[in-house]
N, C-alpha and C. Protein backbone atom coordinates (compact mmCIF):
# COMPACT_ATOMS: atom_id res chain seq x y z
N UNK A 1 -9.96 -97.72 116.14
CA UNK A 1 -9.59 -98.61 115.09
C UNK A 1 -9.03 -99.88 115.71
N UNK A 2 -9.53 -100.95 115.25
CA UNK A 2 -9.04 -102.26 115.76
C UNK A 2 -7.74 -102.61 115.09
N UNK A 3 -6.73 -102.94 115.91
CA UNK A 3 -5.49 -103.28 115.33
C UNK A 3 -5.39 -104.78 115.17
N UNK A 4 -4.95 -105.23 114.01
CA UNK A 4 -4.83 -106.68 113.73
C UNK A 4 -3.41 -107.07 113.93
N UNK A 5 -3.15 -108.31 114.29
CA UNK A 5 -1.78 -108.84 114.32
C UNK A 5 -1.15 -108.74 112.93
N UNK A 6 0.16 -108.74 112.87
CA UNK A 6 0.86 -108.69 111.61
C UNK A 6 0.90 -110.02 110.87
N UNK A 7 0.51 -111.09 111.59
CA UNK A 7 0.47 -112.39 110.93
C UNK A 7 -0.96 -112.96 111.15
N UNK A 8 -1.32 -113.86 110.24
CA UNK A 8 -2.66 -114.41 110.25
C UNK A 8 -2.86 -115.50 111.29
N UNK A 9 -1.77 -116.20 111.67
CA UNK A 9 -1.92 -117.32 112.56
C UNK A 9 -1.99 -116.78 114.00
N UNK A 10 -2.67 -117.52 114.81
CA UNK A 10 -2.83 -117.18 116.23
C UNK A 10 -1.54 -117.54 117.03
N UNK A 11 -1.36 -116.94 118.22
CA UNK A 11 -0.23 -117.28 119.03
C UNK A 11 -0.18 -118.81 119.30
N UNK A 12 -1.31 -119.45 119.46
CA UNK A 12 -1.37 -120.89 119.73
C UNK A 12 -0.88 -121.67 118.48
N UNK A 13 -1.29 -121.25 117.32
CA UNK A 13 -0.89 -121.85 116.08
C UNK A 13 0.61 -121.69 115.84
N UNK A 14 1.16 -120.58 116.23
CA UNK A 14 2.61 -120.29 116.06
C UNK A 14 3.48 -121.33 116.80
N UNK A 15 2.99 -121.89 117.83
CA UNK A 15 3.78 -122.84 118.67
C UNK A 15 4.11 -124.07 117.81
N UNK A 16 3.23 -124.49 116.92
CA UNK A 16 3.49 -125.71 116.14
C UNK A 16 3.64 -125.37 114.59
N UNK A 17 3.66 -124.16 114.27
CA UNK A 17 3.73 -123.75 112.83
C UNK A 17 5.03 -124.21 112.22
N UNK A 18 4.95 -124.92 111.12
CA UNK A 18 6.12 -125.38 110.42
C UNK A 18 6.21 -124.87 109.01
N UNK A 19 5.35 -123.99 108.67
CA UNK A 19 5.32 -123.37 107.31
C UNK A 19 4.04 -123.66 106.58
N UNK A 20 3.94 -123.01 105.40
CA UNK A 20 2.74 -123.22 104.63
C UNK A 20 2.88 -124.40 103.66
N UNK A 21 1.81 -124.90 103.18
CA UNK A 21 1.72 -126.05 102.31
C UNK A 21 1.44 -125.72 100.95
N UNK A 22 2.29 -126.05 99.96
CA UNK A 22 2.10 -125.73 98.55
C UNK A 22 2.18 -126.92 97.64
N UNK A 23 1.52 -126.80 96.54
CA UNK A 23 1.71 -127.79 95.49
C UNK A 23 3.12 -127.63 94.98
N UNK A 24 3.74 -128.67 94.38
CA UNK A 24 5.07 -128.49 93.83
C UNK A 24 5.07 -127.44 92.73
N UNK A 25 6.14 -126.72 92.54
CA UNK A 25 6.16 -125.70 91.43
C UNK A 25 5.73 -126.42 90.10
N UNK A 26 4.94 -125.67 89.37
CA UNK A 26 4.36 -126.22 88.12
C UNK A 26 4.41 -125.15 87.03
N UNK A 27 5.09 -125.48 85.89
CA UNK A 27 5.15 -124.46 84.84
C UNK A 27 3.84 -124.40 84.01
N UNK A 28 2.97 -125.40 84.15
CA UNK A 28 1.80 -125.49 83.30
C UNK A 28 0.77 -124.31 83.55
N UNK A 29 0.47 -123.94 84.82
CA UNK A 29 -0.57 -122.92 85.00
C UNK A 29 0.03 -121.49 84.94
N UNK A 30 0.82 -121.24 83.92
CA UNK A 30 1.41 -119.87 83.73
C UNK A 30 0.88 -119.34 82.45
N UNK A 31 0.32 -118.18 82.38
CA UNK A 31 -0.27 -117.66 81.19
C UNK A 31 0.03 -116.18 81.04
N UNK A 32 0.21 -115.73 79.83
CA UNK A 32 0.21 -114.36 79.44
C UNK A 32 -1.09 -114.13 78.63
N UNK A 33 -2.05 -113.35 79.27
CA UNK A 33 -3.33 -113.28 78.67
C UNK A 33 -3.83 -111.86 78.45
N UNK A 34 -4.56 -111.65 77.41
CA UNK A 34 -5.28 -110.37 77.28
C UNK A 34 -6.43 -110.27 78.28
N UNK A 35 -6.74 -109.06 78.66
CA UNK A 35 -7.91 -108.87 79.52
C UNK A 35 -9.05 -108.42 78.61
N UNK A 36 -10.10 -109.22 78.59
CA UNK A 36 -11.27 -108.90 77.76
C UNK A 36 -12.16 -107.94 78.50
N UNK A 37 -12.19 -106.69 78.13
CA UNK A 37 -12.98 -105.67 78.73
C UNK A 37 -14.32 -105.41 77.96
N UNK A 38 -14.53 -106.23 76.91
CA UNK A 38 -15.73 -106.09 76.09
C UNK A 38 -16.78 -107.08 76.63
N UNK A 39 -17.14 -106.90 77.90
CA UNK A 39 -18.11 -107.68 78.55
C UNK A 39 -19.16 -106.81 79.25
N UNK A 40 -20.37 -107.32 79.46
CA UNK A 40 -21.31 -106.57 80.33
C UNK A 40 -20.79 -106.25 81.70
N UNK A 41 -21.11 -105.11 82.15
CA UNK A 41 -20.80 -104.70 83.58
C UNK A 41 -19.33 -104.39 83.83
N UNK A 42 -18.52 -104.34 82.84
CA UNK A 42 -17.09 -104.01 83.08
C UNK A 42 -17.06 -102.57 83.71
N UNK A 43 -16.28 -102.42 84.80
CA UNK A 43 -16.17 -101.17 85.50
C UNK A 43 -17.23 -100.94 86.53
N UNK A 44 -18.24 -101.86 86.54
CA UNK A 44 -19.29 -101.66 87.56
C UNK A 44 -18.92 -102.32 88.90
N UNK A 45 -19.46 -101.79 89.97
CA UNK A 45 -19.17 -102.40 91.26
C UNK A 45 -19.86 -103.72 91.48
N UNK A 46 -19.14 -104.62 92.11
CA UNK A 46 -19.63 -105.96 92.39
C UNK A 46 -19.56 -106.14 93.92
N UNK A 47 -20.63 -106.62 94.56
CA UNK A 47 -20.64 -106.92 95.96
C UNK A 47 -20.15 -108.35 96.17
N UNK A 48 -19.10 -108.48 97.00
CA UNK A 48 -18.53 -109.77 97.33
C UNK A 48 -18.77 -109.99 98.80
N UNK A 49 -19.41 -111.11 99.13
CA UNK A 49 -19.66 -111.43 100.54
C UNK A 49 -18.42 -111.94 101.15
N UNK A 50 -18.38 -111.80 102.50
CA UNK A 50 -17.09 -112.11 103.24
C UNK A 50 -17.35 -113.27 104.27
N UNK A 51 -16.26 -113.85 104.70
CA UNK A 51 -16.37 -114.93 105.67
C UNK A 51 -16.93 -114.45 107.02
N UNK A 52 -16.86 -113.13 107.33
CA UNK A 52 -17.34 -112.63 108.54
C UNK A 52 -18.85 -112.09 108.43
N UNK A 53 -19.41 -112.31 107.27
CA UNK A 53 -20.82 -111.94 106.98
C UNK A 53 -20.94 -110.49 106.57
N UNK A 54 -19.86 -109.86 106.22
CA UNK A 54 -19.90 -108.48 105.69
C UNK A 54 -19.88 -108.52 104.15
N UNK A 55 -19.69 -107.38 103.57
CA UNK A 55 -19.63 -107.28 102.12
C UNK A 55 -18.40 -106.38 101.76
N UNK A 56 -17.74 -106.70 100.66
CA UNK A 56 -16.67 -105.89 100.12
C UNK A 56 -17.03 -105.51 98.72
N UNK A 57 -16.64 -104.34 98.34
CA UNK A 57 -16.99 -103.83 96.99
C UNK A 57 -15.70 -103.93 96.09
N UNK A 58 -15.85 -104.54 94.95
CA UNK A 58 -14.85 -104.62 93.93
C UNK A 58 -15.39 -104.05 92.65
N UNK A 59 -14.53 -103.75 91.67
CA UNK A 59 -15.02 -103.39 90.34
C UNK A 59 -14.67 -104.55 89.42
N UNK A 60 -15.53 -104.89 88.50
CA UNK A 60 -15.30 -105.87 87.54
C UNK A 60 -14.41 -105.25 86.47
N UNK A 61 -13.18 -105.79 86.35
CA UNK A 61 -12.23 -105.24 85.39
C UNK A 61 -12.30 -105.90 84.01
N UNK A 62 -12.67 -107.14 83.98
CA UNK A 62 -12.80 -107.86 82.70
C UNK A 62 -12.79 -109.32 82.92
N UNK A 63 -12.54 -110.07 81.79
CA UNK A 63 -12.54 -111.54 81.86
C UNK A 63 -11.24 -112.06 81.19
N UNK A 64 -10.74 -113.13 81.72
CA UNK A 64 -9.60 -113.84 81.14
C UNK A 64 -10.05 -115.24 80.68
N UNK A 65 -9.40 -115.72 79.66
CA UNK A 65 -9.68 -117.11 79.14
C UNK A 65 -8.34 -117.85 79.02
N UNK A 66 -8.33 -119.11 79.50
CA UNK A 66 -7.07 -119.92 79.41
C UNK A 66 -7.49 -121.36 79.36
N UNK A 67 -6.53 -122.20 79.03
CA UNK A 67 -6.76 -123.65 78.92
C UNK A 67 -6.06 -124.39 80.03
N UNK A 68 -6.82 -125.36 80.63
CA UNK A 68 -6.34 -126.25 81.64
C UNK A 68 -6.76 -127.63 81.25
N UNK A 69 -5.79 -128.50 81.06
CA UNK A 69 -6.04 -129.89 80.67
C UNK A 69 -6.98 -129.95 79.49
N UNK A 70 -6.82 -129.13 78.47
CA UNK A 70 -7.56 -129.16 77.25
C UNK A 70 -8.95 -128.51 77.33
N UNK A 71 -9.31 -127.92 78.49
CA UNK A 71 -10.55 -127.28 78.69
C UNK A 71 -10.37 -125.75 78.69
N UNK A 72 -11.19 -125.03 77.97
CA UNK A 72 -11.15 -123.56 78.09
C UNK A 72 -11.89 -123.09 79.29
N UNK A 73 -11.24 -122.27 80.09
CA UNK A 73 -11.75 -121.77 81.33
C UNK A 73 -11.83 -120.25 81.24
N UNK A 74 -12.92 -119.69 81.78
CA UNK A 74 -13.12 -118.25 81.85
C UNK A 74 -13.24 -117.83 83.29
N UNK A 75 -12.70 -116.72 83.65
CA UNK A 75 -12.80 -116.18 84.99
C UNK A 75 -12.85 -114.63 84.90
N UNK A 76 -13.51 -114.04 85.90
CA UNK A 76 -13.59 -112.61 85.95
C UNK A 76 -12.47 -112.11 86.89
N UNK A 77 -11.97 -110.98 86.48
CA UNK A 77 -10.85 -110.34 87.24
C UNK A 77 -11.43 -108.97 87.78
N UNK A 78 -11.04 -108.71 89.07
CA UNK A 78 -11.58 -107.56 89.73
C UNK A 78 -10.50 -106.51 90.12
N UNK A 79 -10.92 -105.32 90.45
CA UNK A 79 -10.11 -104.29 90.96
C UNK A 79 -10.70 -103.86 92.33
N UNK A 80 -9.85 -103.44 93.22
CA UNK A 80 -10.28 -102.89 94.51
C UNK A 80 -10.43 -101.33 94.31
N UNK A 81 -11.63 -100.81 94.43
CA UNK A 81 -11.87 -99.41 94.09
C UNK A 81 -11.24 -98.53 95.19
N UNK A 82 -10.79 -99.10 96.32
CA UNK A 82 -10.30 -98.26 97.44
C UNK A 82 -8.82 -98.10 97.49
N UNK A 83 -8.07 -98.78 96.60
CA UNK A 83 -6.62 -98.68 96.55
C UNK A 83 -6.15 -98.29 95.15
N UNK A 84 -4.86 -97.90 95.11
CA UNK A 84 -4.29 -97.51 93.82
C UNK A 84 -4.41 -98.70 92.84
N UNK A 85 -4.69 -98.39 91.63
CA UNK A 85 -4.94 -99.48 90.69
C UNK A 85 -3.71 -99.95 90.00
N UNK A 86 -2.86 -100.70 90.63
CA UNK A 86 -1.67 -101.25 90.00
C UNK A 86 -1.78 -102.80 89.84
N UNK A 87 -2.90 -103.34 90.32
CA UNK A 87 -3.00 -104.77 90.20
C UNK A 87 -4.49 -105.18 90.09
N UNK A 88 -4.70 -106.35 89.62
CA UNK A 88 -6.05 -106.99 89.61
C UNK A 88 -6.04 -108.16 90.60
N UNK A 89 -7.30 -108.58 90.90
CA UNK A 89 -7.48 -109.73 91.83
C UNK A 89 -8.28 -110.75 91.07
N UNK A 90 -7.81 -111.99 91.19
CA UNK A 90 -8.54 -113.11 90.74
C UNK A 90 -8.92 -113.95 91.92
N UNK A 91 -10.20 -113.98 92.24
CA UNK A 91 -10.74 -114.81 93.37
C UNK A 91 -11.30 -116.02 92.68
N UNK A 92 -10.92 -117.27 93.11
CA UNK A 92 -11.42 -118.47 92.41
C UNK A 92 -11.51 -119.65 93.36
N UNK A 93 -12.39 -120.48 92.95
CA UNK A 93 -12.54 -121.87 93.48
C UNK A 93 -12.30 -122.81 92.30
N UNK A 94 -11.75 -123.95 92.56
CA UNK A 94 -11.59 -124.90 91.45
C UNK A 94 -11.84 -126.34 91.99
N UNK A 95 -11.49 -127.30 91.19
CA UNK A 95 -11.82 -128.71 91.57
C UNK A 95 -11.00 -129.20 92.78
N UNK A 96 -9.98 -128.43 93.22
CA UNK A 96 -9.21 -128.82 94.47
C UNK A 96 -9.88 -128.22 95.70
N UNK A 97 -10.76 -127.25 95.58
CA UNK A 97 -11.33 -126.55 96.69
C UNK A 97 -12.13 -127.49 97.69
N UNK A 98 -11.72 -127.34 98.92
CA UNK A 98 -12.32 -128.16 99.98
C UNK A 98 -11.56 -129.43 100.31
N UNK A 99 -11.03 -130.07 99.32
CA UNK A 99 -10.24 -131.25 99.50
C UNK A 99 -8.75 -131.00 99.72
N UNK A 100 -8.17 -130.28 98.76
CA UNK A 100 -6.75 -129.99 98.82
C UNK A 100 -6.49 -128.50 99.15
N UNK A 101 -7.46 -127.66 98.87
CA UNK A 101 -7.22 -126.24 99.12
C UNK A 101 -8.41 -125.67 99.91
N UNK A 102 -8.23 -124.51 100.45
CA UNK A 102 -9.19 -123.81 101.37
C UNK A 102 -10.62 -123.81 100.79
N UNK A 103 -11.54 -124.17 101.65
CA UNK A 103 -12.98 -124.31 101.28
C UNK A 103 -13.64 -123.05 100.73
N UNK A 104 -13.13 -121.87 101.05
CA UNK A 104 -13.71 -120.61 100.51
C UNK A 104 -12.94 -120.13 99.28
N UNK A 105 -11.98 -120.89 98.80
CA UNK A 105 -11.25 -120.44 97.62
C UNK A 105 -9.99 -119.82 97.84
N UNK A 106 -9.33 -119.45 96.74
CA UNK A 106 -7.98 -118.85 96.81
C UNK A 106 -7.99 -117.53 96.01
N UNK A 107 -6.88 -116.78 96.12
CA UNK A 107 -6.79 -115.51 95.50
C UNK A 107 -5.48 -115.47 94.71
N UNK A 108 -5.43 -114.61 93.76
CA UNK A 108 -4.22 -114.37 93.02
C UNK A 108 -4.16 -112.87 92.67
N UNK A 109 -3.08 -112.22 92.94
CA UNK A 109 -2.88 -110.88 92.59
C UNK A 109 -2.16 -110.85 91.24
N UNK A 110 -2.66 -109.99 90.35
CA UNK A 110 -2.11 -109.98 88.98
C UNK A 110 -1.69 -108.52 88.70
N UNK A 111 -0.43 -108.37 88.42
CA UNK A 111 0.14 -107.02 88.19
C UNK A 111 -0.35 -106.53 86.85
N UNK A 112 -0.76 -105.24 86.80
CA UNK A 112 -1.06 -104.61 85.53
C UNK A 112 0.21 -104.30 84.81
N UNK A 113 0.36 -104.81 83.58
CA UNK A 113 1.56 -104.59 82.79
C UNK A 113 1.21 -104.65 81.28
N UNK A 114 1.13 -103.46 80.72
CA UNK A 114 0.79 -103.39 79.26
C UNK A 114 -0.47 -104.02 78.90
N UNK A 115 -0.43 -104.69 77.76
CA UNK A 115 -1.70 -105.30 77.16
C UNK A 115 -1.95 -106.69 77.66
N UNK A 116 -0.98 -107.29 78.28
CA UNK A 116 -1.13 -108.69 78.72
C UNK A 116 -1.03 -108.74 80.26
N UNK A 117 -1.79 -109.76 80.80
CA UNK A 117 -1.70 -110.04 82.20
C UNK A 117 -0.90 -111.24 82.39
N UNK A 118 0.01 -111.23 83.33
CA UNK A 118 0.79 -112.47 83.62
C UNK A 118 0.05 -113.13 84.81
N UNK A 119 -0.52 -114.33 84.46
CA UNK A 119 -1.29 -115.06 85.43
C UNK A 119 -0.50 -116.29 85.79
N UNK A 120 0.06 -116.39 86.96
CA UNK A 120 0.81 -117.51 87.37
C UNK A 120 0.22 -118.13 88.64
N UNK A 121 -0.49 -119.23 88.48
CA UNK A 121 -1.21 -119.77 89.60
C UNK A 121 -0.30 -120.39 90.66
N UNK A 122 0.96 -120.46 90.35
CA UNK A 122 1.94 -120.90 91.42
C UNK A 122 1.92 -119.96 92.58
N UNK A 123 1.45 -118.69 92.37
CA UNK A 123 1.40 -117.66 93.40
C UNK A 123 0.03 -117.56 93.99
N UNK A 124 -0.91 -118.43 93.65
CA UNK A 124 -2.20 -118.45 94.31
C UNK A 124 -2.08 -118.67 95.81
N UNK A 125 -2.83 -117.93 96.58
CA UNK A 125 -2.69 -118.01 97.98
C UNK A 125 -4.05 -118.05 98.71
N UNK A 126 -4.09 -118.47 99.94
CA UNK A 126 -5.24 -118.53 100.79
C UNK A 126 -5.41 -117.15 101.43
N UNK A 127 -6.73 -116.68 101.52
CA UNK A 127 -6.93 -115.52 102.31
C UNK A 127 -6.65 -115.84 103.82
N UNK A 128 -6.46 -114.77 104.60
CA UNK A 128 -6.08 -114.94 106.02
C UNK A 128 -7.16 -115.71 106.78
N UNK A 129 -8.40 -115.68 106.36
CA UNK A 129 -9.47 -116.44 107.08
C UNK A 129 -9.23 -117.91 107.05
N UNK A 130 -8.37 -118.39 106.16
CA UNK A 130 -8.11 -119.81 106.13
C UNK A 130 -7.25 -120.27 107.30
N UNK A 131 -6.57 -119.30 107.97
CA UNK A 131 -5.71 -119.58 109.12
C UNK A 131 -6.39 -119.34 110.45
N UNK A 132 -7.29 -118.35 110.42
CA UNK A 132 -7.86 -117.76 111.66
C UNK A 132 -9.19 -117.18 111.35
N UNK A 133 -10.22 -117.62 112.00
CA UNK A 133 -11.59 -117.18 111.77
C UNK A 133 -11.87 -115.73 112.15
N UNK A 134 -10.95 -115.09 112.83
CA UNK A 134 -11.18 -113.64 113.16
C UNK A 134 -11.01 -112.75 111.99
N UNK A 135 -10.44 -113.22 110.94
CA UNK A 135 -10.18 -112.38 109.70
C UNK A 135 -11.47 -112.49 108.85
N UNK A 136 -11.80 -111.33 108.24
CA UNK A 136 -12.96 -111.16 107.37
C UNK A 136 -12.42 -111.07 105.91
N UNK A 137 -12.62 -112.13 105.17
CA UNK A 137 -12.04 -112.18 103.83
C UNK A 137 -13.10 -112.50 102.80
N UNK A 138 -12.86 -112.12 101.55
CA UNK A 138 -13.84 -112.38 100.49
C UNK A 138 -14.08 -113.85 100.25
N UNK A 139 -15.34 -114.12 99.94
CA UNK A 139 -15.78 -115.44 99.51
C UNK A 139 -15.89 -115.34 97.98
N UNK A 140 -15.34 -116.34 97.23
CA UNK A 140 -15.30 -116.32 95.82
C UNK A 140 -16.75 -116.24 95.24
N UNK A 141 -16.96 -115.27 94.33
CA UNK A 141 -18.27 -115.22 93.67
C UNK A 141 -18.51 -116.46 92.83
N UNK A 142 -19.77 -116.77 92.71
CA UNK A 142 -20.17 -117.99 91.94
C UNK A 142 -19.61 -118.02 90.55
N UNK A 143 -19.48 -116.77 89.94
CA UNK A 143 -19.08 -116.72 88.50
C UNK A 143 -17.57 -117.18 88.36
N UNK A 144 -16.84 -117.32 89.44
CA UNK A 144 -15.45 -117.75 89.40
C UNK A 144 -15.18 -119.12 90.00
N UNK A 145 -16.24 -119.95 89.95
CA UNK A 145 -16.11 -121.36 90.39
C UNK A 145 -15.66 -122.12 89.08
N UNK A 146 -14.46 -122.55 89.10
CA UNK A 146 -13.88 -123.21 87.90
C UNK A 146 -14.07 -124.69 88.00
N UNK A 147 -14.34 -125.33 86.86
CA UNK A 147 -14.63 -126.74 86.86
C UNK A 147 -13.37 -127.64 86.81
N UNK A 148 -12.20 -126.99 86.61
CA UNK A 148 -10.93 -127.69 86.49
C UNK A 148 -10.13 -127.63 87.75
N UNK A 149 -9.13 -128.49 87.86
CA UNK A 149 -8.27 -128.39 89.07
C UNK A 149 -7.06 -127.56 88.78
N UNK A 150 -6.76 -126.54 89.54
CA UNK A 150 -5.55 -125.76 89.44
C UNK A 150 -4.64 -126.29 90.53
N UNK A 151 -3.72 -127.18 90.08
CA UNK A 151 -2.82 -127.85 91.07
C UNK A 151 -1.48 -127.05 91.13
N UNK A 152 -1.65 -125.85 91.69
CA UNK A 152 -0.55 -124.95 91.81
C UNK A 152 -0.87 -123.95 92.94
N UNK A 153 0.16 -123.40 93.53
CA UNK A 153 -0.09 -122.43 94.61
C UNK A 153 -0.28 -123.08 95.96
N UNK A 154 -0.82 -122.27 96.81
CA UNK A 154 -1.02 -122.69 98.20
C UNK A 154 -2.11 -123.75 98.40
N UNK A 155 -1.81 -124.74 99.35
CA UNK A 155 -2.83 -125.74 99.67
C UNK A 155 -3.47 -125.38 100.98
N UNK A 156 -4.32 -126.25 101.60
CA UNK A 156 -4.97 -126.04 102.82
C UNK A 156 -3.91 -125.77 103.94
N UNK A 157 -4.32 -124.94 104.88
CA UNK A 157 -3.47 -124.77 106.05
C UNK A 157 -3.77 -125.88 106.99
N UNK A 158 -2.68 -126.60 107.48
CA UNK A 158 -2.91 -127.75 108.33
C UNK A 158 -2.66 -127.42 109.80
């Protein structure tokens, strides 16, 4: 079994590391949303390609809908079938992707809590592959390319 370092940055990057880069805290991209499970393919496995050329399997848990700058946005939420199901994953690209945020998109873990999902984009983060090419991380599926800018959470690693 290959052992990975406990941090995503390389020893060389650590020498000049000054911290991660975030958008200022923003109360706007915080939502309490129902999970729509009345969609085709809910519970079915979805193949997600990775930065290393591999594939990861997720389950489609449902869809969320929310408003950003007056536009209704829809995104699919996934579960990892290999771990205990206490959270969902939102893999997404938005209008900041590539310019202000990581080119392969960002992630958000969403805790399962009752009938509503608390979606706070201030906690959106970059996968480890944004810091170091040796990590194999999911690439956002086309269905979660959002047309709006989510100006919250982690920015590009500099």
